Amino acid sequence: MENLIATAEICTWHEVEYTFISSLGDAGLLELRVVNETTYIPESELQKLEKMIRMHNELDINIPGIEAITHLLERVEQLQEELRVLRNRVR
């Protein structure tokens, strides 16, 4: 079973509002789980969340901006993987 971290702990540790994390979940950018009326984030999502918190706090990027950037970064990763596969085929 995957480790879950309470969003309240994350909010305290990273000094962010719960509404920010909730909005990321609503936008489909972050997986949130509710257990006994408490919201948690899977440990595997923590690195992604921390990256989005930095975008928001340090670069003042809003949720739609984070959504666009995340989509573009995922697309770049897909293209890099396709390029790696094609290079291996050529060899």
Protein backbone atom coordinates (compact mmCIF):
# COMPACT_ATOMS: atom_id res chain seq x y z
CA MET A 1 0.00 0.00 0.00
CA GLU A 2 1.25 3.45 -0.91
CA ASN A 3 2.13 5.96 1.80
CA LEU A 4 -0.27 8.88 2.10
CA ILE A 5 0.56 12.31 3.46
CA ALA A 6 -2.14 14.49 5.00
CA THR A 7 -2.65 17.68 3.01
CA ALA A 8 -2.83 19.62 6.29
CA GLU A 9 0.79 18.61 6.99
CA ILE A 10 1.83 19.63 3.48
CA CYS A 11 0.07 22.99 3.84
CA THR A 12 1.87 23.65 7.12
CA TRP A 13 5.27 22.47 5.88
CA HIS A 14 5.14 24.40 2.57
CA GLU A 15 3.08 27.33 3.87
CA VAL A 16 0.35 27.01 1.22
CA GLU A 17 -3.40 27.23 1.51
CA TYR A 18 -5.47 24.07 1.27
CA THR A 19 -7.47 25.72 -1.52
CA PHE A 20 -4.33 25.77 -3.69
CA ILE A 21 -3.82 22.01 -3.31
CA SER A 22 -7.54 21.40 -3.76
CA SER A 23 -7.51 23.48 -6.97
CA LEU A 24 -4.61 21.40 -8.31
CA GLY A 25 -6.66 18.28 -7.63
CA ASP A 26 -9.75 19.78 -9.27
CA ALA A 27 -7.67 20.64 -12.36
CA GLY A 28 -6.51 17.02 -12.59
CA LEU A 29 -2.90 18.00 -11.90
CA LEU A 30 -2.63 16.16 -8.61
CA GLU A 31 -4.10 12.97 -7.20
CA LEU A 32 -5.88 13.52 -3.92
CA ARG A 33 -7.44 10.79 -1.80
CA VAL A 34 -10.03 11.19 0.93
CA VAL A 35 -9.95 8.72 3.81
CA ASN A 36 -12.29 9.21 6.76
CA GLU A 37 -13.02 12.80 5.69
CA THR A 38 -9.30 13.69 5.64
CA THR A 39 -7.61 14.57 2.36
CA TYR A 40 -4.28 12.97 1.57
CA ILE A 41 -1.76 13.06 -1.25
CA PRO A 42 0.08 9.89 -2.27
CA GLU A 43 3.80 10.08 -1.53
CA SER A 44 4.49 9.45 -5.24
CA GLU A 45 2.79 12.79 -6.05
CA LEU A 46 4.88 14.81 -3.58
CA GLN A 47 7.68 15.76 -5.97
CA LYS A 48 5.16 16.92 -8.57
CA LEU A 49 3.31 18.97 -5.94
CA GLU A 50 6.51 20.60 -4.70
CA LYS A 51 7.36 21.63 -8.28
CA MET A 52 3.92 23.22 -8.67
CA ILE A 53 4.24 25.00 -5.31
CA ARG A 54 7.56 26.49 -6.48
CA MET A 55 5.98 27.64 -9.75
CA HIS A 56 3.18 29.29 -7.80
CA ASN A 57 5.24 30.88 -5.02
CA GLU A 58 8.51 31.77 -6.73
CA LEU A 59 7.20 32.61 -10.21
CA ASP A 60 3.69 33.78 -9.23
CA ILE A 61 2.07 31.39 -11.73
CA ASN A 62 -1.65 30.72 -11.29
CA ILE A 63 -3.41 27.34 -11.61
CA PRO A 64 -4.23 27.68 -15.35
CA GLY A 65 -0.58 28.63 -15.98
CA ILE A 66 0.65 25.65 -13.98
CA GLU A 67 -1.74 23.45 -15.95
CA ALA A 68 -0.35 24.75 -19.28
CA ILE A 69 3.27 24.40 -18.16
CA THR A 70 2.69 20.89 -16.82
CA HIS A 71 1.04 19.84 -20.08
CA LEU A 72 3.94 21.25 -22.11
CA LEU A 73 6.56 19.59 -19.90
CA GLU A 74 4.77 16.23 -20.21
CA ARG A 75 4.69 16.66 -24.01
CA VAL A 76 8.42 17.46 -24.09
CA GLU A 77 9.12 14.31 -22.08
CA GLN A 78 7.01 12.25 -24.53
CA LEU A 79 8.88 13.71 -27.50
CA GLN A 80 12.24 13.04 -25.87
CA GLU A 81 11.23 9.41 -25.30
CA GLU A 82 10.10 9.08 -28.93
CA LEU A 83 13.42 10.53 -30.08
CA ARG A 84 15.33 8.08 -27.88
CA VAL A 85 13.37 5.15 -29.34
CA LEU A 86 13.95 6.35 -32.90
CA ARG A 87 17.68 6.82 -32.29
CA ASN A 88 17.91 3.28 -30.93
CA ARG A 89 16.15 1.95 -34.04
CA VAL A 90 18.59 3.73 -36.34
CA ARG A 91 21.54 2.16 -34.54
